Amino acid sequence: MANMKIKINSTTAPLKVAASINITTAGSSNTPGTYAAAAFTNSGTGNGAVITVVIGSGGNATSAVVTVGGDGYKASDVLTFSGITGGDVVVATVAAADLDVDSALGSQAIVPVDDVYCVIPAANGDTVSLEQLQVEHNRKWLLTLNGGGTGNYAAIASAVNNCVVASQRDPLSMPVLGGDNFTLPDGVTISKVELS
């Protein structure tokens, strides 16, 4: 079966392609032009986004538009473009509207669980692995948590496992981990979902 999937509510998301990120510091004395894939640092943990910055005739940034969404961004992340052309720093701040999310359910990742055979919580409660056994290789999805600890890691693992089992029992259901039916312990959120 290829339809066994779960959705995971997360506190982060990719940036929305074509979103225009709000420029909070336009800088000056930069060389006018369009800079595709302008290098930047992020105050948060998001990575992989590609942003095109346009410098106007006055040497200041006039737009910062997303061309590749990356992943792991959140509202209020500060993106700093240091001296695009040897001029001043340009700063843009991510808003909630810039995130590529399902407005009804929040930020989500969709994870296939056809061949998950084991849910493994870290002993310190900061991650959960979904181990997948495939013909060619073994791989895993890694869920990074906020608020997980030794006191609640068993409850976290139980919620994840129950969500996976529900999907495997009803392949077209796509249950939501972190939703009403598969809640995580109070104060626990999933900050990152990655295939490792």
C-alpha atoms as a PDB file:
ATOM      1  CA  MET A   1       0.000   0.000   0.000  1.00  0.00           C
ATOM      2  CA  ALA A   2       1.331   3.402  -0.915  1.00  0.00           C
ATOM      3  CA  ASN A   3      -1.312   5.566   0.757  1.00  0.00           C
ATOM      4  CA  MET A   4      -0.399   5.095   4.406  1.00  0.00           C
ATOM      5  CA  LYS A   5       0.579   8.575   5.537  1.00  0.00           C
ATOM      6  CA  ILE A   6       0.271  10.775   8.594  1.00  0.00           C
ATOM      7  CA  LYS A   7       0.293  14.545   8.946  1.00  0.00           C
ATOM      8  CA  ILE A   8       2.435  16.019  11.694  1.00  0.00           C
ATOM      9  CA  ASN A   9       1.619  19.392  13.182  1.00  0.00           C
ATOM     10  CA  SER A  10       4.843  21.347  13.443  1.00  0.00           C
ATOM     11  CA  THR A  11       5.803  24.793  14.691  1.00  0.00           C
ATOM     12  CA  THR A  12       7.832  25.430  11.522  1.00  0.00           C
ATOM     13  CA  ALA A  13       7.209  25.308   7.786  1.00  0.00           C
ATOM     14  CA  PRO A  14       8.759  26.060   4.406  1.00  0.00           C
ATOM     15  CA  LEU A  15       8.594  29.626   3.134  1.00  0.00           C
ATOM     16  CA  LYS A  16       5.884  30.205   0.541  1.00  0.00           C
ATOM     17  CA  VAL A  17       7.286  30.400  -2.981  1.00  0.00           C
ATOM     18  CA  ALA A  18       6.713  33.911  -4.418  1.00  0.00           C
ATOM     19  CA  ALA A  19       6.209  35.389  -0.938  1.00  0.00           C
ATOM     20  CA  SER A  20       7.677  38.857  -0.574  1.00  0.00           C
ATOM     21  CA  ILE A  21       9.464  38.943   2.787  1.00  0.00           C
ATOM     22  CA  ASN A  22       9.123  42.261   4.610  1.00  0.00           C
ATOM     23  CA  ILE A  23      12.363  44.264   4.454  1.00  0.00           C
ATOM     24  CA  THR A  24      12.981  45.836   7.857  1.00  0.00           C
ATOM     25  CA  THR A  25      16.425  47.298   7.073  1.00  0.00           C
ATOM     26  CA  ALA A  26      16.832  48.314   3.419  1.00  0.00           C
ATOM     27  CA  GLY A  27      20.506  49.277   3.647  1.00  0.00           C
ATOM     28  CA  SER A  28      22.195  51.690   1.276  1.00  0.00           C
ATOM     29  CA  SER A  29      25.268  51.889  -0.969  1.00  0.00           C
ATOM     30  CA  ASN A  30      24.610  48.443  -2.452  1.00  0.00           C
ATOM     31  CA  THR A  31      25.077  48.103  -6.196  1.00  0.00           C
ATOM     32  CA  PRO A  32      21.682  48.238  -7.965  1.00  0.00           C
ATOM     33  CA  GLY A  33      20.523  45.006  -9.572  1.00  0.00           C
ATOM     34  CA  THR A  34      18.696  41.719  -9.079  1.00  0.00           C
ATOM     35  CA  TYR A  35      20.513  39.151  -6.944  1.00  0.00           C
ATOM     36  CA  ALA A  36      19.131  35.636  -7.305  1.00  0.00           C
ATOM     37  CA  ALA A  37      20.063  33.251  -4.476  1.00  0.00           C
ATOM     38  CA  ALA A  38      21.359  36.083  -2.298  1.00  0.00           C
ATOM     39  CA  ALA A  39      23.318  34.653   0.657  1.00  0.00           C
ATOM     40  CA  PHE A  40      21.746  35.183   4.072  1.00  0.00           C
ATOM     41  CA  THR A  41      21.817  33.974   7.659  1.00  0.00           C
ATOM     42  CA  ASN A  42      18.717  33.116   9.660  1.00  0.00           C
ATOM     43  CA  SER A  43      18.086  33.823  13.341  1.00  0.00           C
ATOM     44  CA  GLY A  44      16.107  30.559  13.528  1.00  0.00           C
ATOM     45  CA  THR A  45      16.691  26.970  12.447  1.00  0.00           C
ATOM     46  CA  GLY A  46      15.126  27.130   8.978  1.00  0.00           C
ATOM     47  CA  ASN A  47      17.331  26.394   6.008  1.00  0.00           C
ATOM     48  CA  GLY A  48      17.328  25.705   2.290  1.00  0.00           C
ATOM     49  CA  ALA A  49      15.313  28.715   1.147  1.00  0.00           C
ATOM     50  CA  VAL A  50      16.437  30.675  -1.890  1.00  0.00           C
ATOM     51  CA  ILE A  51      15.587  34.375  -2.026  1.00  0.00           C
ATOM     52  CA  THR A  52      16.008  36.937  -4.784  1.00  0.00           C
ATOM     53  CA  VAL A  53      16.827  40.439  -3.545  1.00  0.00           C
ATOM     54  CA  VAL A  54      16.361  43.515  -5.714  1.00  0.00           C
ATOM     55  CA  ILE A  55      18.514  46.578  -5.026  1.00  0.00           C
ATOM     56  CA  GLY A  56      17.040  49.810  -6.367  1.00  0.00           C
ATOM     57  CA  SER A  57      18.838  52.740  -7.970  1.00  0.00           C
ATOM     58  CA  GLY A  58      19.432  54.338  -4.561  1.00  0.00           C
ATOM     59  CA  GLY A  59      21.417  51.347  -3.323  1.00  0.00           C
ATOM     60  CA  ASN A  60      18.689  50.139  -0.981  1.00  0.00           C
ATOM     61  CA  ALA A  61      16.763  46.851  -1.109  1.00  0.00           C
ATOM     62  CA  THR A  62      13.310  47.138  -2.635  1.00  0.00           C
ATOM     63  CA  SER A  63      12.190  43.486  -2.456  1.00  0.00           C
ATOM     64  CA  ALA A  64      13.121  40.028  -1.160  1.00  0.00           C
ATOM     65  CA  VAL A  65      11.125  37.303  -2.935  1.00  0.00           C
ATOM     66  CA  VAL A  66      11.223  33.564  -2.143  1.00  0.00           C
ATOM     67  CA  THR A  67      12.037  31.295  -5.108  1.00  0.00           C
ATOM     68  CA  VAL A  68      12.676  28.050  -3.152  1.00  0.00           C
ATOM     69  CA  GLY A  69      10.850  27.435   0.129  1.00  0.00           C
ATOM     70  CA  GLY A  70      13.380  25.404   2.110  1.00  0.00           C
ATOM     71  CA  ASP A  71      12.034  24.149   5.444  1.00  0.00           C
ATOM     72  CA  GLY A  72      11.948  24.816   9.170  1.00  0.00           C
ATOM     73  CA  TYR A  73      11.115  28.542   9.129  1.00  0.00           C
ATOM     74  CA  LYS A  74       8.804  30.297  11.570  1.00  0.00           C
ATOM     75  CA  ALA A  75       7.192  33.701  11.899  1.00  0.00           C
ATOM     76  CA  SER A  76       9.610  36.319  13.312  1.00  0.00           C
ATOM     77  CA  ASP A  77      12.727  34.640  11.851  1.00  0.00           C
ATOM     78  CA  VAL A  78      15.182  37.394  10.901  1.00  0.00           C
ATOM     79  CA  LEU A  79      17.000  36.934   7.589  1.00  0.00           C
ATOM     80  CA  THR A  80      20.215  38.949   7.313  1.00  0.00           C
ATOM     81  CA  PHE A  81      21.801  39.570   3.912  1.00  0.00           C
ATOM     82  CA  SER A  82      25.311  40.809   4.719  1.00  0.00           C
ATOM     83  CA  GLY A  83      26.708  43.220   2.182  1.00  0.00           C
ATOM     84  CA  ILE A  84      25.088  41.836  -0.945  1.00  0.00           C
ATOM     85  CA  THR A  85      27.552  43.765  -3.106  1.00  0.00           C
ATOM     86  CA  GLY A  86      29.913  45.116  -0.500  1.00  0.00           C
ATOM     87  CA  GLY A  87      27.356  47.646   0.718  1.00  0.00           C
ATOM     88  CA  ASP A  88      25.199  47.738   3.827  1.00  0.00           C
ATOM     89  CA  VAL A  89      23.395  44.880   5.504  1.00  0.00           C
ATOM     90  CA  VAL A  90      19.827  44.180   4.362  1.00  0.00           C
ATOM     91  CA  VAL A  91      17.433  42.607   6.874  1.00  0.00           C
ATOM     92  CA  ALA A  92      14.049  40.964   6.226  1.00  0.00           C
ATOM     93  CA  THR A  93      11.651  39.501   8.802  1.00  0.00           C
ATOM     94  CA  VAL A  94       9.441  36.473   8.141  1.00  0.00           C
ATOM     95  CA  ALA A  95       5.717  36.919   8.832  1.00  0.00           C
ATOM     96  CA  ALA A  96       3.118  34.190   9.382  1.00  0.00           C
ATOM     97  CA  ALA A  97       1.722  34.910   5.893  1.00  0.00           C
ATOM     98  CA  ASP A  98       5.117  34.023   4.397  1.00  0.00           C
ATOM     99  CA  LEU A  99       4.909  30.412   5.615  1.00  0.00           C
ATOM    100  CA  ASP A 100       3.569  27.646   3.383  1.00  0.00           C
ATOM    101  CA  VAL A 101       1.040  26.120   5.778  1.00  0.00           C
ATOM    102  CA  ASP A 102      -2.438  24.655   5.784  1.00  0.00           C
ATOM    103  CA  SER A 103      -4.451  27.474   7.349  1.00  0.00           C
ATOM    104  CA  ALA A 104      -6.919  25.056   8.924  1.00  0.00           C
ATOM    105  CA  LEU A 105      -4.351  22.831  10.580  1.00  0.00           C
ATOM    106  CA  GLY A 106      -1.186  24.877  10.941  1.00  0.00           C
ATOM    107  CA  SER A 107       2.267  23.898   9.754  1.00  0.00           C
ATOM    108  CA  GLN A 108       2.401  20.265   8.748  1.00  0.00           C
ATOM    109  CA  ALA A 109       4.671  17.633   7.347  1.00  0.00           C
ATOM    110  CA  ILE A 110       3.307  14.581   5.546  1.00  0.00           C
ATOM    111  CA  VAL A 111       5.192  11.392   6.364  1.00  0.00           C
ATOM    112  CA  PRO A 112       4.670   8.031   4.613  1.00  0.00           C
ATOM    113  CA  VAL A 113       4.310   5.239   7.159  1.00  0.00           C
ATOM    114  CA  ASP A 114       3.718   2.197   4.924  1.00  0.00           C
ATOM    115  CA  ASP A 115       6.855   0.452   6.124  1.00  0.00           C
ATOM    116  CA  VAL A 116       7.410   1.946   9.589  1.00  0.00           C
ATOM    117  CA  TYR A 117       8.194  -0.941  11.895  1.00  0.00           C
ATOM    118  CA  CYS A 118       9.335   0.849  15.040  1.00  0.00           C
ATOM    119  CA  VAL A 119       8.783   4.124  16.912  1.00  0.00           C
ATOM    120  CA  ILE A 120      11.838   4.963  19.022  1.00  0.00           C
ATOM    121  CA  PRO A 121      11.876   7.904  21.469  1.00  0.00           C
ATOM    122  CA  ALA A 122      15.207   9.286  22.643  1.00  0.00           C
ATOM    123  CA  ALA A 123      15.805   8.602  26.327  1.00  0.00           C
ATOM    124  CA  ASN A 124      16.071  12.343  26.996  1.00  0.00           C
ATOM    125  CA  GLY A 125      12.795  12.994  25.157  1.00  0.00           C
ATOM    126  CA  ASP A 126      14.108  15.436  22.569  1.00  0.00           C
ATOM    127  CA  THR A 127      13.531  13.303  19.440  1.00  0.00           C
ATOM    128  CA  VAL A 128      11.443  10.414  18.128  1.00  0.00           C
ATOM    129  CA  SER A 129      12.559   8.183  15.262  1.00  0.00           C
ATOM    130  CA  LEU A 130      10.175   6.416  12.899  1.00  0.00           C
ATOM    131  CA  GLU A 131      12.251   3.505  11.638  1.00  0.00           C
ATOM    132  CA  GLN A 132      11.383   2.268   8.149  1.00  0.00           C
ATOM    133  CA  LEU A 133      12.538  -1.088   6.818  1.00  0.00           C
ATOM    134  CA  GLN A 134      12.735  -1.230   3.031  1.00  0.00           C
ATOM    135  CA  VAL A 135      14.091  -3.809   0.627  1.00  0.00           C
ATOM    136  CA  GLU A 136      17.086  -1.700  -0.366  1.00  0.00           C
ATOM    137  CA  HIS A 137      17.910   0.004   2.922  1.00  0.00           C
ATOM    138  CA  ASN A 138      16.835   1.089   6.353  1.00  0.00           C
ATOM    139  CA  ARG A 139      15.922   4.744   6.829  1.00  0.00           C
ATOM    140  CA  LYS A 140      14.158   6.834   9.418  1.00  0.00           C
ATOM    141  CA  TRP A 141      12.107   9.957   9.872  1.00  0.00           C
ATOM    142  CA  LEU A 142      13.366  12.035  12.778  1.00  0.00           C
ATOM    143  CA  LEU A 143      10.940  14.230  14.737  1.00  0.00           C
ATOM    144  CA  THR A 144      12.669  16.927  16.797  1.00  0.00           C
ATOM    145  CA  LEU A 145      10.658  18.001  19.846  1.00  0.00           C
ATOM    146  CA  ASN A 146      10.324  21.033  22.078  1.00  0.00           C
ATOM    147  CA  GLY A 147       9.149  20.245  25.594  1.00  0.00           C
ATOM    148  CA  GLY A 148      10.056  16.577  25.512  1.00  0.00           C
ATOM    149  CA  GLY A 149      11.858  15.080  28.485  1.00  0.00           C
ATOM    150  CA  THR A 150      12.444  11.929  30.475  1.00  0.00           C
ATOM    151  CA  GLY A 151       9.103  12.417  32.242  1.00  0.00           C
ATOM    152  CA  ASN A 152       6.958  12.398  29.107  1.00  0.00           C
ATOM    153  CA  TYR A 153       8.897  10.588  26.384  1.00  0.00           C
ATOM    154  CA  ALA A 154       6.842   7.406  26.785  1.00  0.00           C
ATOM    155  CA  ALA A 155       3.590   9.369  26.313  1.00  0.00           C
ATOM    156  CA  ILE A 156       5.066  11.059  23.243  1.00  0.00           C
ATOM    157  CA  ALA A 157       6.089   7.718  21.734  1.00  0.00           C
ATOM    158  CA  SER A 158       2.629   6.309  22.453  1.00  0.00           C
ATOM    159  CA  ALA A 159       0.914   9.201  20.640  1.00  0.00           C
ATOM    160  CA  VAL A 160       3.225   8.816  17.629  1.00  0.00           C
ATOM    161  CA  ASN A 161       2.757   5.037  17.557  1.00  0.00           C
ATOM    162  CA  ASN A 162      -1.031   5.268  17.824  1.00  0.00           C
ATOM    163  CA  CYS A 163      -1.124   7.761  14.931  1.00  0.00           C
ATOM    164  CA  VAL A 164       1.045   5.490  12.745  1.00  0.00           C
ATOM    165  CA  VAL A 165      -1.081   2.427  13.567  1.00  0.00           C
ATOM    166  CA  ALA A 166      -4.286   4.344  12.762  1.00  0.00           C
ATOM    167  CA  SER A 167      -2.922   5.181   9.312  1.00  0.00           C
ATOM    168  CA  GLN A 168      -1.854   1.602   8.696  1.00  0.00           C
ATOM    169  CA  ARG A 169      -5.318   0.342   9.669  1.00  0.00           C
ATOM    170  CA  ASP A 170      -7.092   2.843   7.401  1.00  0.00           C
ATOM    171  CA  PRO A 171      -4.659   3.723   4.587  1.00  0.00           C
ATOM    172  CA  LEU A 172      -6.638   6.691   3.224  1.00  0.00           C
ATOM    173  CA  SER A 173      -7.317   8.354   6.590  1.00  0.00           C
ATOM    174  CA  MET A 174      -4.078  10.411   6.971  1.00  0.00           C
ATOM    175  CA  PRO A 175      -4.464  11.071  10.730  1.00  0.00           C
ATOM    176  CA  VAL A 176      -2.874  14.167  12.266  1.00  0.00           C
ATOM    177  CA  LEU A 177      -0.217  13.809  14.965  1.00  0.00           C
ATOM    178  CA  GLY A 178      -0.724  16.794  17.248  1.00  0.00           C
ATOM    179  CA  GLY A 179      -4.385  17.039  16.215  1.00  0.00           C
ATOM    180  CA  ASP A 180      -7.465  16.303  18.315  1.00  0.00           C
ATOM    181  CA  ASN A 181      -7.277  12.503  18.072  1.00  0.00           C
ATOM    182  CA  PHE A 182      -3.523  12.086  18.578  1.00  0.00           C
ATOM    183  CA  THR A 183      -2.532  14.802  21.023  1.00  0.00           C
ATOM    184  CA  LEU A 184       0.964  15.214  22.399  1.00  0.00           C
ATOM    185  CA  PRO A 185       1.554  15.848  26.117  1.00  0.00           C
ATOM    186  CA  ASP A 186       1.010  19.426  27.313  1.00  0.00           C
ATOM    187  CA  GLY A 187       3.817  21.738  26.296  1.00  0.00           C
ATOM    188  CA  VAL A 188       5.252  19.376  23.656  1.00  0.00           C
ATOM    189  CA  THR A 189       5.549  20.552  20.060  1.00  0.00           C
ATOM    190  CA  ILE A 190       7.357  19.150  17.044  1.00  0.00           C
ATOM    191  CA  SER A 191       9.802  21.701  15.696  1.00  0.00           C
ATOM    192  CA  LYS A 192      11.315  19.739  12.813  1.00  0.00           C
ATOM    193  CA  VAL A 193      10.538  16.694  10.666  1.00  0.00           C
ATOM    194  CA  GLU A 194      13.334  15.294   8.518  1.00  0.00           C
ATOM    195  CA  LEU A 195      14.249  12.146   6.649  1.00  0.00           C
ATOM    196  CA  SER A 196      17.642  10.930   7.796  1.00  0.00           C
END
